[in-house]
Amino acid sequence: MAASVIRTLSNLGLAKPFPPCFFPVEDEEETEEEYEEELREDSLEEEEDAVASESQEEEPWSFDSSPNNAEMTNQLLRFAELINTPWCGHCRSLEPIYAEVAGLLKNGSSEVRLAKVEATEERDLAAEFNVDSFPTLKFFKDGNRQNVTDFSGKRTVKGITRWLERHTGPSATVLNDVKSAEALLDANDVVVVGFFQDLEGDKAKTFYDVTLIAVDVNFGITSNPELFKKYDVKSDSLVLFKKFDEKRADMPLTEESKLDKVEVISFIHTNSMKLVIPFNEENAEQIFSSKVRNHLLLFINTTVESQNALLEDFRDVASEFKEKVLFITLDVTSDKVDHVLKYFSVSANDAPIIRLINTEKVVTYAMEGSTIKKDTLRTFCQGVLDGTVKLFLKTQEIPEDWNKNPVKVLVGKNFDKVAFDETKNVFVEFYAPWCGHCQQLAPIWDELGEKYKDHENIVIAKMDATENDVENVTIQGFPSIKFFPAGAEKKIVDYNGNRDLETFSKFLDNGGVLPEEESKDDDEDEGDDDDDDDDEDEVSQKLTDGFIISCYHEQIKKNLNSLI
């Protein structure tokens, strides 16, 4: 039977910070039919590879992981089992990462081994372990087929190995004396220590559960009275020690209260972040996994001393808005922030300059005309929270030929005049130039414009939503299609039907409502798409976070394009 390979899908559960588009995936997911066509085109090349592979070194996971041997294998080894399909693009993109981890484990001292299963061949095995998306990673410890753990780490070499280490070794260091505690704190920037009177009690058990979720955090645990006294802990508590800002954060626990995993993870995440976070790839996860949705960005040129001097006031005000506003700095001299500058309509010459974005509503605010200092920063942040600061709306200039073609071109400056014309029903596509599905829709949208170009009260229009903002219009995916019916009410109707000329026409001819049979068909289609990792409707639901991420990180633009 064909050898199998473990694959890993990050199912972060409580700690899930990112939509799928955060992770680098260059190519759009393939359907099974597209994959089969690719196989036909590349058959000769694959035959050559197959011959060559016979002489190559054995794969690091090459052992019998067939269903008949799975139980025996589990008794002998601890291993993660990846269940994948051959046509899954995410599975293929993970393969080199997974192979590297397998090699590291095999060549090291770890007892963990990796295996793989082709779910299209081993359907019974996939069904037994409730695998319904690909790739999926399952961890079997000590040969226990009945107690399987879903992988919940990052799909990187470091992420997979770190997760496995945490799940197979001590997840928290037992601190028996002052020397061991000081050694742990000295060796790490952030350490969470559980102080418990009873290390066998429910609170300590929950604490250990958290250590298996927050695998990037270092943990210690103690019941030593000497340590309670040294660190001024009066009762059962969690203490987060850190080498920056206020140095520690305490989470006291009452004798009656239960330890809640969600609350603990939130406590750790909030207090392990610096008050002022430099924007870079290393810190991106912290920024975008935060529950704080207001992000205050200070754009500075770090080669100018007077601009660096602003950081002291910036940090002081950050402490006042902890858990309400994230304070983030961006160095305009870095080539990694060009996409961010463009999104916020900022140039390097504008520094120092302030922008605030709410990542839930996808709206931006600008602090303009004020010197950046404590008082102005404090007033600006509080004004945004109170709703007294006006939105900053991006807009392009109105093209001279915006009205020339059947599909009208809208920008921020002419949107309200056209879309909310009381005498017109206006159908608008909000697109991104880099979006693959927008590009596929373009000829259909042009056909629609041609069909209704002479209609007395129907207007077909489009707007580049990456360059223009409209108040009260939230874009949660690309393309987003919205209907603005005639009348004084300024209603906005989201279009959720099929993206074809016939359905668009039925929607418009029916006054901006899909006929009942079309809505029913849509519902049935959504149910049929559960197995498609990149279903457009699913991605659209998740894209608000992904859209925000694209505003910050230049590489994410490609990832969104591959997933929309």
Protein backbone atom coordinates (compact mmCIF):
# COMPACT_ATOMS: atom_id res chain seq x y z
CA MET A 1 0.00 0.00 0.00
CA ALA A 2 1.33 3.47 -0.80
CA ALA A 3 3.35 5.12 1.93
CA SER A 4 1.55 7.93 3.69
CA VAL A 5 2.44 11.53 4.78
CA ILE A 6 1.27 13.64 7.68
CA ARG A 7 0.04 17.04 6.90
CA THR A 8 -0.90 19.92 9.17
CA LEU A 9 -3.71 22.41 9.13
CA SER A 10 -3.50 25.10 11.78
CA ASN A 11 -6.70 24.75 13.77
CA LEU A 12 -5.89 27.35 16.43
CA GLY A 13 -9.14 27.13 18.36
CA LEU A 14 -8.93 29.52 21.29
CA ALA A 15 -5.78 31.15 19.99
CA LYS A 16 -6.86 31.45 16.37
CA PRO A 17 -5.78 34.90 15.28
CA PHE A 18 -5.67 34.76 11.55
CA PRO A 19 -7.83 33.99 8.62
CA PRO A 20 -6.26 31.48 6.22
CA CYS A 21 -5.01 34.27 4.00
CA PHE A 22 -2.41 35.26 6.56
CA PHE A 23 -0.21 32.33 5.67
CA PRO A 24 1.88 32.62 2.49
CA VAL A 25 0.18 30.68 -0.31
CA GLU A 26 1.25 31.82 -3.74
CA ASP A 27 -1.07 29.81 -5.94
CA GLU A 28 -4.83 29.66 -6.05
CA GLU A 29 -6.32 26.41 -4.78
CA GLU A 30 -6.97 23.86 -7.47
CA THR A 31 -10.10 21.85 -8.01
CA GLU A 32 -9.75 18.13 -8.52
CA GLU A 33 -10.51 18.55 -12.23
CA GLU A 34 -7.77 21.17 -12.62
CA TYR A 35 -5.38 18.90 -10.84
CA GLU A 36 -6.17 15.99 -13.17
CA GLU A 37 -5.55 18.21 -16.19
CA GLU A 38 -2.23 19.24 -14.71
CA LEU A 39 -1.37 15.58 -14.24
CA ARG A 40 -2.05 14.85 -17.90
CA GLU A 41 0.12 17.76 -19.01
CA ASP A 42 2.99 16.77 -16.73
CA SER A 43 2.77 12.99 -17.05
CA LEU A 44 6.14 12.56 -18.77
CA GLU A 45 7.88 14.68 -16.19
CA GLU A 46 6.27 12.73 -13.36
CA GLU A 47 7.33 9.42 -14.87
CA GLU A 48 10.91 10.67 -14.92
CA ASP A 49 10.61 11.82 -11.33
CA ALA A 50 9.19 8.46 -10.30
CA VAL A 51 12.13 6.60 -11.82
CA ALA A 52 14.58 8.97 -10.21
CA SER A 53 12.92 8.69 -6.83
CA GLU A 54 13.63 4.97 -6.66
CA SER A 55 17.32 5.74 -6.29
CA GLN A 56 16.90 8.62 -3.89
CA GLU A 57 17.38 8.45 -0.13
CA GLU A 58 14.44 7.06 1.82
CA GLU A 59 11.84 9.64 2.84
CA PRO A 60 12.19 10.64 6.50
CA TRP A 61 8.71 9.28 7.27
CA SER A 62 8.95 6.07 5.24
CA PHE A 63 7.45 3.36 7.38
CA ASP A 64 4.24 1.40 7.15
CA SER A 65 1.42 3.65 8.30
CA SER A 66 -1.32 1.73 6.58
CA PRO A 67 -4.60 1.26 8.45
CA ASN A 68 -3.75 -2.37 9.25
CA ASN A 69 -0.51 -1.32 10.91
CA ALA A 70 -1.65 1.99 12.42
CA GLU A 71 -2.38 0.63 15.88
CA MET A 72 0.94 -1.23 16.13
CA THR A 73 2.78 1.81 14.82
CA ASN A 74 1.17 3.98 17.46
CA GLN A 75 2.27 1.60 20.17
CA LEU A 76 5.83 1.90 18.96
CA LEU A 77 6.00 5.60 18.15
CA ARG A 78 4.49 8.94 18.93
CA PHE A 79 3.61 10.53 15.64
CA ALA A 80 1.47 13.13 13.99
CA GLU A 81 -0.72 11.95 11.17
CA LEU A 82 -1.43 14.24 8.26
CA ILE A 83 -4.36 13.36 6.09
CA ASN A 84 -4.31 15.00 2.70
CA THR A 85 -5.58 14.81 -0.87
CA PRO A 86 -3.34 14.93 -3.95
CA TRP A 87 -5.21 17.87 -5.51
CA CYS A 88 -5.02 20.13 -2.44
CA GLY A 89 -2.81 23.15 -3.06
CA HIS A 90 -2.36 23.81 0.65
CA CYS A 91 -1.22 20.21 1.11
CA ARG A 92 1.39 20.60 -1.60
CA SER A 93 2.62 23.94 -0.24
CA LEU A 94 3.09 22.37 3.19
CA GLU A 95 4.99 19.34 1.89
CA PRO A 96 8.57 20.73 2.00
CA ILE A 97 7.98 22.15 5.47
CA TYR A 98 6.61 18.85 6.68
CA ALA A 99 9.44 16.88 5.12
CA GLU A 100 12.00 19.09 6.84
CA VAL A 101 10.35 18.55 10.23
CA ALA A 102 10.23 14.79 9.61
CA GLY A 103 13.94 14.77 8.83
CA LEU A 104 14.81 16.79 11.93
CA LEU A 105 12.83 14.42 14.13
CA LYS A 106 14.28 11.30 12.54
CA ASN A 107 17.87 12.53 12.82
CA GLY A 108 17.44 13.85 16.34
CA SER A 109 16.61 12.27 19.66
CA SER A 110 12.85 12.78 19.43
CA GLU A 111 10.54 9.80 19.73
CA VAL A 112 8.03 11.54 17.49
CA ARG A 113 7.67 10.29 13.93
CA LEU A 114 5.56 11.66 11.10
CA ALA A 115 3.34 9.69 8.77
CA LYS A 116 0.98 10.53 5.95
CA VAL A 117 -2.31 9.24 4.64
CA GLU A 118 -3.79 9.92 1.21
CA ALA A 119 -7.39 10.53 2.19
CA THR A 120 -8.63 9.85 -1.33
CA GLU A 121 -7.26 6.32 -0.99
CA GLU A 122 -7.90 5.70 2.71
CA ARG A 123 -11.45 7.00 2.98
CA ASP A 124 -12.36 4.75 5.92
CA LEU A 125 -9.39 5.98 7.93
CA ALA A 126 -10.24 9.60 7.18
CA ALA A 127 -13.85 8.97 8.21
CA GLU A 128 -12.77 7.26 11.44
CA PHE A 129 -10.95 10.39 12.55
CA ASN A 130 -13.59 12.84 11.25
CA VAL A 131 -11.35 14.45 8.65
CA ASP A 132 -13.40 16.82 6.48
CA SER A 133 -10.85 19.41 5.34
CA PHE A 134 -7.38 19.20 3.93
CA PRO A 135 -4.68 19.16 5.09
CA THR A 136 -5.49 18.02 8.62
CA LEU A 137 -3.00 16.96 11.26
CA LYS A 138 -3.80 14.50 14.03
CA PHE A 139 -1.42 13.67 16.86
CA PHE A 140 -1.45 10.15 18.31
CA LYS A 141 0.43 9.84 21.60
CA ASP A 142 1.65 6.55 23.05
CA GLY A 143 -0.27 4.51 20.50
CA ASN A 144 -3.65 5.62 21.83
CA ARG A 145 -6.03 5.47 18.87
CA GLN A 146 -8.94 6.69 20.96
CA ASN A 147 -7.31 9.84 22.32
CA VAL A 148 -6.26 11.92 19.31
CA THR A 149 -5.21 15.57 19.53
CA ASP A 150 -5.83 18.04 16.71
CA PHE A 151 -2.73 20.01 15.76
CA SER A 152 -3.13 23.65 16.79
CA GLY A 153 0.17 25.25 15.89
CA LYS A 154 1.66 27.19 13.01
CA ARG A 155 2.42 25.58 9.68
CA THR A 156 6.12 26.38 9.82
CA VAL A 157 9.14 24.25 10.69
CA LYS A 158 9.53 26.09 13.98
CA GLY A 159 5.79 26.04 14.67
CA ILE A 160 5.37 22.30 14.13
CA THR A 161 8.46 21.30 16.09
CA ARG A 162 7.60 23.67 18.93
CA TRP A 163 4.07 22.25 19.16
CA LEU A 164 5.35 18.67 19.19
CA GLU A 165 7.97 19.45 21.83
CA ARG A 166 5.33 21.02 24.06
CA HIS A 167 3.00 18.02 23.63
CA THR A 168 5.66 15.38 24.26
CA GLY A 169 7.85 16.98 26.93
CA PRO A 170 7.31 19.02 30.09
CA SER A 171 4.96 21.86 29.20
CA ALA A 172 5.83 23.88 32.30
CA THR A 173 8.98 24.02 34.42
CA VAL A 174 8.36 22.99 38.02
CA LEU A 175 10.00 25.64 40.20
CA ASN A 176 11.16 24.11 43.47
CA ASP A 177 13.34 26.94 44.73
CA VAL A 178 14.45 30.52 44.13
CA LYS A 179 17.41 29.45 42.02
CA SER A 180 15.26 27.57 39.48
CA ALA A 181 12.77 30.46 39.30
CA GLU A 182 15.46 33.06 38.71
CA ALA A 183 17.08 30.89 36.04
CA LEU A 184 13.78 30.61 34.13
CA LEU A 185 13.03 34.33 34.36
CA ASP A 186 16.56 35.33 33.36
CA ALA A 187 16.52 33.10 30.29
CA ASN A 188 13.28 34.41 28.74
CA ASP A 189 11.75 37.79 27.93
CA VAL A 190 8.27 36.61 28.93
CA VAL A 191 7.42 33.87 31.44
CA VAL A 192 4.04 32.96 32.92
CA VAL A 193 4.24 31.35 36.36
CA GLY A 194 1.32 29.60 38.01
CA PHE A 195 1.40 29.95 41.80
CA PHE A 196 -0.87 27.23 43.25
CA GLN A 197 -1.24 25.86 46.75
CA ASP A 198 -2.18 22.49 45.23
CA LEU A 199 -0.36 21.35 42.08
CA GLU A 200 -2.88 18.52 41.67
CA GLY A 201 -5.95 20.75 41.91
CA ASP A 202 -8.34 21.82 39.15
CA LYS A 203 -6.72 25.22 38.68
CA ALA A 204 -3.30 23.69 38.14
CA LYS A 205 -4.77 21.18 35.68
CA THR A 206 -6.39 23.99 33.69
CA PHE A 207 -3.07 25.84 33.76
CA TYR A 208 -1.39 22.82 32.19
CA ASP A 209 -4.11 22.75 29.53
CA VAL A 210 -3.24 26.34 28.65
CA THR A 211 0.45 25.46 28.32
CA LEU A 212 -0.49 23.06 25.51
CA ILE A 213 -2.35 25.81 23.66
CA ALA A 214 0.01 28.77 24.07
CA VAL A 215 3.08 26.87 22.88
CA ASP A 216 5.08 30.02 22.10
CA VAL A 217 5.03 31.09 25.74
CA ASN A 218 7.37 29.79 28.47
CA PHE A 219 5.63 28.55 31.61
CA GLY A 220 6.62 27.76 35.17
CA ILE A 221 4.56 26.34 38.03
CA THR A 222 5.16 26.25 41.77
CA SER A 223 3.63 25.61 45.18
CA ASN A 224 6.76 26.63 47.08
CA PRO A 225 5.91 29.07 49.93
CA GLU A 226 9.37 30.63 49.59
CA LEU A 227 8.54 31.68 46.02
CA PHE A 228 5.12 32.99 47.05
CA LYS A 229 6.90 35.25 49.55
CA LYS A 230 9.74 36.32 47.24
CA TYR A 231 7.39 37.43 44.49
CA ASP A 232 4.78 38.89 46.88
CA VAL A 233 2.01 36.47 45.85
CA LYS A 234 -0.66 36.15 48.56
CA SER A 235 -2.85 33.41 47.08
CA ASP A 236 -3.28 31.29 43.98
CA SER A 237 -2.32 33.53 41.07
CA LEU A 238 -0.89 33.72 37.60
CA VAL A 239 1.99 36.15 37.21
CA LEU A 240 3.37 37.18 33.85
CA PHE A 241 6.97 38.33 34.20
CA LYS A 242 8.49 40.37 31.38
CA LYS A 243 11.69 42.29 30.75
CA PHE A 244 9.96 45.41 29.42
CA ASP A 245 7.36 48.05 30.27
CA GLU A 246 5.79 47.44 33.70
CA LYS A 247 7.83 44.22 34.24
CA ARG A 248 4.95 42.05 35.49
CA ALA A 249 1.19 41.56 35.39
CA ASP A 250 -0.83 39.65 38.00
CA MET A 251 -4.00 37.61 37.67
CA PRO A 252 -5.13 36.79 41.24
CA LEU A 253 -7.50 33.85 41.65
CA THR A 254 -10.13 33.59 44.34
CA GLU A 255 -10.48 30.38 46.27
CA GLU A 256 -13.93 29.75 44.83
CA SER A 257 -13.32 30.79 41.22
CA LYS A 258 -12.47 28.40 38.44
CA LEU A 259 -9.62 29.08 36.07
CA ASP A 260 -11.02 29.83 32.61
CA LYS A 261 -8.75 28.93 29.68
CA VAL A 262 -10.07 31.70 27.45
CA GLU A 263 -9.51 34.32 30.14
CA VAL A 264 -6.00 33.04 30.81
CA ILE A 265 -5.03 33.12 27.14
CA SER A 266 -6.45 36.63 26.82
CA PHE A 267 -4.48 37.71 29.91
CA ILE A 268 -1.27 36.27 28.48
CA HIS A 269 -1.75 37.77 25.04
CA THR A 270 -2.64 41.23 26.31
CA ASN A 271 0.20 41.49 28.79
CA SER A 272 2.95 39.88 26.73
CA MET A 273 2.71 42.67 24.15
CA LYS A 274 4.88 45.74 24.43
CA LEU A 275 3.07 49.04 24.92
CA VAL A 276 4.61 50.27 21.65
CA ILE A 277 5.05 47.66 18.94
CA PRO A 278 7.35 48.18 15.96
CA PHE A 279 5.62 46.92 12.84
CA ASN A 280 7.60 44.13 11.24
CA GLU A 281 7.14 40.55 10.16
CA GLU A 282 8.22 39.23 13.56
CA ASN A 283 5.53 41.21 15.39
CA ALA A 284 2.77 40.82 12.81
CA GLU A 285 1.18 37.86 14.56
CA GLN A 286 0.91 39.70 17.85
CA ILE A 287 -0.63 42.71 16.15
CA PHE A 288 -3.24 40.85 14.14
CA SER A 289 -4.15 38.30 16.79
CA SER A 290 -4.94 41.02 19.29
CA LYS A 291 -8.55 41.53 20.32
CA VAL A 292 -7.84 45.27 20.37
CA ARG A 293 -9.24 46.50 17.07
CA ASN A 294 -8.11 50.14 17.21
CA HIS A 295 -4.55 50.43 15.88
CA LEU A 296 -2.76 53.78 16.21
CA LEU A 297 0.12 53.99 13.73
CA LEU A 298 2.99 56.43 14.08
CA PHE A 299 4.93 56.72 10.82
CA ILE A 300 8.46 57.97 11.53
CA ASN A 301 11.81 58.23 9.81
CA THR A 302 14.16 56.49 12.23
CA THR A 303 17.18 58.26 10.75
CA VAL A 304 15.86 61.60 12.05
CA GLU A 305 16.59 62.08 15.75
CA SER A 306 13.73 64.53 16.33
CA GLN A 307 11.26 61.92 15.10
CA ASN A 308 12.72 59.21 17.34
CA ALA A 309 12.24 61.61 20.25
CA LEU A 310 8.47 61.35 19.72
CA LEU A 311 8.52 57.76 20.97
CA GLU A 312 8.71 58.76 24.63
CA ASP A 313 5.39 60.63 24.52
CA PHE A 314 3.93 57.92 22.30
CA ARG A 315 4.82 55.26 24.89
CA ASP A 316 3.49 57.30 27.82
CA VAL A 317 0.09 57.72 26.19
CA ALA A 318 0.04 54.05 25.16
CA SER A 319 -0.06 53.03 28.82
CA GLU A 320 -3.26 55.07 29.28
CA PHE A 321 -5.06 53.26 26.45
CA LYS A 322 -3.91 49.72 27.14
CA GLU A 323 -6.50 47.15 25.98
CA LYS A 324 -8.29 49.91 24.04
CA VAL A 325 -5.75 51.01 21.41
CA LEU A 326 -2.63 49.32 20.07
CA PHE A 327 0.26 51.75 19.59
CA ILE A 328 2.34 50.74 16.57
CA THR A 329 5.36 52.39 14.95
CA LEU A 330 6.32 52.08 11.29
CA ASP A 331 9.70 53.08 9.91
CA VAL A 332 9.11 54.78 6.55
CA THR A 333 12.70 54.02 5.51
CA SER A 334 11.92 50.29 5.41
CA ASP A 335 11.00 48.81 2.05
CA LYS A 336 8.68 46.43 3.91
CA VAL A 337 6.05 49.10 4.56
CA ASP A 338 5.53 50.49 1.05
CA HIS A 339 2.14 48.79 0.78
CA VAL A 340 1.13 50.19 4.15
CA LEU A 341 2.06 53.72 3.12
CA LYS A 342 0.00 53.37 -0.04
CA TYR A 343 -3.04 52.06 1.80
CA PHE A 344 -3.05 54.95 4.26
CA SER A 345 -2.31 57.53 1.55
CA VAL A 346 0.94 58.44 3.29
CA SER A 347 4.34 59.11 1.72
CA ALA A 348 7.72 58.82 3.39
CA ASN A 349 8.03 62.61 3.23
CA ASP A 350 4.89 62.97 5.36
CA ALA A 351 6.60 61.50 8.43
CA PRO A 352 6.03 62.00 11.26
CA ILE A 353 2.30 61.40 10.80
CA ILE A 354 -0.49 59.59 12.64
CA ARG A 355 -3.22 57.28 11.37
CA LEU A 356 -5.69 55.17 13.35
CA ILE A 357 -7.51 52.21 11.83
CA ASN A 358 -10.36 50.23 13.34
CA THR A 359 -9.84 46.73 11.99
CA GLU A 360 -13.39 45.61 12.77
CA LYS A 361 -15.22 48.37 10.90
CA VAL A 362 -12.37 48.83 8.39
CA VAL A 363 -12.36 52.61 8.86
CA THR A 364 -9.47 55.05 9.19
CA TYR A 365 -8.93 58.28 11.12
CA ALA A 366 -6.22 60.90 10.61
CA MET A 367 -4.67 63.21 13.19
CA GLU A 368 -3.83 66.18 11.01
CA GLY A 369 -2.83 69.75 11.76
CA SER A 370 -1.60 68.95 15.26
CA THR A 371 1.86 68.57 16.74
CA ILE A 372 2.48 65.01 17.91
CA LYS A 373 2.77 65.18 21.69
CA LYS A 374 1.08 63.70 24.75
CA ASP A 375 -1.92 66.04 24.85
CA THR A 376 -2.76 65.80 21.15
CA LEU A 377 -2.31 62.02 21.08
CA ARG A 378 -4.50 61.61 24.14
CA THR A 379 -7.22 63.87 22.74
CA PHE A 380 -7.16 62.16 19.35
CA CYS A 381 -7.40 58.62 20.74
CA GLN A 382 -10.18 59.50 23.16
CA GLY A 383 -12.04 61.31 20.40
CA VAL A 384 -11.96 58.23 18.18
CA LEU A 385 -13.22 56.05 21.03
CA ASP A 386 -15.98 58.57 21.80
CA GLY A 387 -16.99 58.88 18.14
CA THR A 388 -16.26 62.59 17.86
CA VAL A 389 -13.45 62.33 15.28
CA LYS A 390 -14.51 62.24 11.64
CA LEU A 391 -13.47 59.40 9.38
CA PHE A 392 -10.57 59.81 7.00
CA LEU A 393 -11.87 58.79 3.58
CA LYS A 394 -9.47 58.06 0.75
CA THR A 395 -10.42 59.08 -2.76
CA GLN A 396 -8.94 59.24 -6.21
CA GLU A 397 -9.62 62.17 -8.47
CA ILE A 398 -12.72 61.86 -10.66
CA PRO A 399 -11.63 60.53 -14.08
CA GLU A 400 -12.57 62.80 -16.96
CA ASP A 401 -14.19 59.86 -18.75
CA TRP A 402 -15.90 58.33 -15.71
CA ASN A 403 -19.29 58.52 -17.46
CA LYS A 404 -18.12 57.61 -20.97
CA ASN A 405 -18.55 53.82 -20.90
CA PRO A 406 -21.57 51.66 -20.01
CA VAL A 407 -19.93 50.79 -16.67
CA LYS A 408 -19.53 54.06 -14.75
CA VAL A 409 -16.31 54.64 -12.79
CA LEU A 410 -16.86 55.77 -9.22
CA VAL A 411 -14.36 57.24 -6.75
CA GLY A 412 -14.82 58.67 -3.29
CA LYS A 413 -15.53 62.16 -4.62
CA ASN A 414 -18.44 61.22 -6.90
CA PHE A 415 -19.78 58.14 -5.15
CA ASP A 416 -22.61 59.71 -3.14
CA LYS A 417 -23.82 61.79 -6.07
CA VAL A 418 -24.13 58.73 -8.32
CA ALA A 419 -24.97 55.86 -5.97
CA PHE A 420 -27.53 57.77 -3.92
CA ASP A 421 -29.24 59.47 -6.86
CA GLU A 422 -32.90 59.28 -5.84
CA THR A 423 -33.98 58.63 -9.43
CA LYS A 424 -31.62 55.74 -10.17
CA ASN A 425 -31.09 52.11 -9.15
CA VAL A 426 -27.32 51.76 -9.01
CA PHE A 427 -25.52 48.39 -9.05
CA VAL A 428 -21.88 48.69 -7.94
CA GLU A 429 -18.96 46.29 -7.99
CA PHE A 430 -16.30 47.04 -5.37
CA TYR A 431 -13.08 45.46 -6.60
CA ALA A 432 -9.35 45.19 -6.00
CA PRO A 433 -7.07 45.38 -9.05
CA TRP A 434 -5.02 42.40 -7.84
CA CYS A 435 -8.04 40.17 -7.12
CA GLY A 436 -8.24 37.15 -9.41
CA HIS A 437 -12.00 36.74 -9.04
CA CYS A 438 -12.51 40.43 -9.78
CA GLN A 439 -10.58 39.95 -13.00
CA GLN A 440 -12.78 36.97 -13.89
CA LEU A 441 -15.90 39.02 -13.19
CA ALA A 442 -14.76 42.01 -15.28
CA PRO A 443 -16.01 40.83 -18.72
CA ILE A 444 -19.35 39.75 -17.23
CA TRP A 445 -19.72 43.14 -15.54
CA ASP A 446 -18.95 44.87 -18.83
CA GLU A 447 -21.66 42.77 -20.53
CA LEU A 448 -24.08 43.79 -17.81
CA GLY A 449 -23.21 47.44 -18.35
CA GLU A 450 -23.75 47.07 -22.09
CA LYS A 451 -27.12 45.41 -21.52
CA TYR A 452 -28.44 48.22 -19.29
CA LYS A 453 -26.61 51.22 -20.80
CA ASP A 454 -29.83 52.67 -22.24
CA HIS A 455 -32.05 51.78 -19.30
CA GLU A 456 -33.82 54.83 -17.91
CA ASN A 457 -33.18 54.16 -14.22
CA ILE A 458 -30.56 51.39 -13.88
CA VAL A 459 -26.86 52.28 -13.65
CA ILE A 460 -24.02 49.76 -13.61
CA ALA A 461 -20.87 51.04 -11.89
CA LYS A 462 -17.60 49.94 -10.33
CA MET A 463 -15.15 51.31 -7.77
CA ASP A 464 -11.58 50.40 -6.81
CA ALA A 465 -12.08 49.83 -3.09
CA THR A 466 -8.36 49.76 -2.39
CA GLU A 467 -8.04 53.43 -3.41
CA ASN A 468 -11.40 54.84 -2.32
CA ASP A 469 -13.44 54.78 0.88
CA VAL A 470 -17.14 55.41 1.31
CA GLU A 471 -18.72 56.19 4.65
CA ASN A 472 -21.17 53.52 5.86
CA VAL A 473 -20.13 51.07 3.14
CA THR A 474 -18.12 48.17 4.58
CA ILE A 475 -16.26 45.90 2.19
CA GLN A 476 -15.82 42.38 3.54
CA GLY A 477 -14.48 40.68 0.44
CA PHE A 478 -13.53 41.10 -3.17
CA PRO A 479 -15.45 41.44 -5.28
CA SER A 480 -18.25 42.91 -3.17
CA ILE A 481 -21.42 43.79 -5.05
CA LYS A 482 -24.03 46.15 -3.63
CA PHE A 483 -27.33 47.56 -4.89
CA PHE A 484 -28.36 51.15 -4.15
CA PRO A 485 -32.09 51.43 -4.90
CA ALA A 486 -33.74 54.65 -6.01
CA GLY A 487 -35.38 56.76 -3.34
CA ALA A 488 -34.49 59.10 -0.52
CA GLU A 489 -33.80 56.38 2.07
CA LYS A 490 -30.21 55.69 0.94
CA LYS A 491 -30.64 51.96 1.32
CA ILE A 492 -27.79 49.55 0.65
CA VAL A 493 -28.57 45.98 -0.42
CA ASP A 494 -25.84 43.32 -0.42
CA TYR A 495 -25.90 41.07 -3.48
CA ASN A 496 -25.21 37.43 -2.58
CA GLY A 497 -26.35 35.61 -5.71
CA ASN A 498 -24.43 33.89 -8.47
CA ARG A 499 -22.03 36.05 -10.44
CA ASP A 500 -23.32 35.55 -13.94
CA LEU A 501 -25.16 37.73 -16.44
CA GLU A 502 -28.45 35.87 -16.15
CA THR A 503 -28.68 36.07 -12.35
CA PHE A 504 -27.55 39.69 -12.28
CA SER A 505 -30.28 40.52 -14.80
CA LYS A 506 -32.98 38.71 -12.83
CA PHE A 507 -31.91 40.59 -9.70
CA LEU A 508 -32.10 43.99 -11.42
CA ASP A 509 -35.34 43.26 -13.26
CA ASN A 510 -36.89 42.11 -9.99
CA GLY A 511 -36.18 45.44 -8.28
CA GLY A 512 -33.04 44.39 -6.43
CA VAL A 513 -34.38 41.12 -5.07
CA LEU A 514 -33.34 37.63 -6.16
CA PRO A 515 -36.25 35.46 -7.29
CA GLU A 516 -37.12 32.80 -4.73
CA GLU A 517 -35.78 29.95 -6.85
CA GLU A 518 -32.41 31.70 -7.21
CA SER A 519 -32.11 32.18 -3.46
CA LYS A 520 -32.93 28.54 -2.94
CA ASP A 521 -30.32 27.48 -5.44
CA ASP A 522 -27.75 29.64 -3.67
CA ASP A 523 -28.52 27.98 -0.35
CA GLU A 524 -28.11 24.54 -1.87
CA ASP A 525 -24.86 25.57 -3.50
CA GLU A 526 -23.44 26.75 -0.21
CA GLY A 527 -24.11 23.35 1.31
CA ASP A 528 -22.37 21.63 -1.57
CA ASP A 529 -19.23 23.70 -1.20
CA ASP A 530 -18.24 22.50 2.25
CA ASP A 531 -15.32 20.48 0.93
CA ASP A 532 -13.79 23.37 -1.01
CA ASP A 533 -11.13 25.04 1.13
CA ASP A 534 -11.31 28.17 -0.98
CA ASP A 535 -15.05 28.52 -1.47
CA GLU A 536 -15.74 32.15 -2.32
CA ASP A 537 -18.58 32.53 0.15
CA GLU A 538 -16.49 31.09 2.98
CA VAL A 539 -13.58 33.37 2.20
CA SER A 540 -15.88 36.37 1.89
CA GLN A 541 -17.08 35.77 5.44
CA LYS A 542 -13.51 35.74 6.70
CA LEU A 543 -12.04 38.43 4.53
CA THR A 544 -12.47 41.47 6.72
CA ASP A 545 -9.49 40.43 8.84
CA GLY A 546 -7.62 39.36 5.73
CA PHE A 547 -8.28 42.72 4.10
CA ILE A 548 -6.88 44.49 7.12
CA ILE A 549 -3.82 42.29 7.12
CA SER A 550 -3.27 43.15 3.48
CA CYS A 551 -3.14 46.80 4.50
CA TYR A 552 -0.13 46.13 6.68
CA HIS A 553 1.94 43.41 5.06
CA GLU A 554 2.97 43.62 1.42
CA GLN A 555 3.06 39.86 0.91
CA ILE A 556 -0.50 39.33 2.06
CA LYS A 557 -1.89 40.98 -1.04
CA LYS A 558 -0.88 37.92 -3.04
CA ASN A 559 -2.34 35.61 -0.43
CA LEU A 560 -5.73 37.30 -0.55
CA ASN A 561 -5.69 37.09 -4.33
CA SER A 562 -5.15 33.35 -4.11
CA LEU A 563 -7.98 32.83 -1.66
CA ILE A 564 -10.79 35.09 -2.85
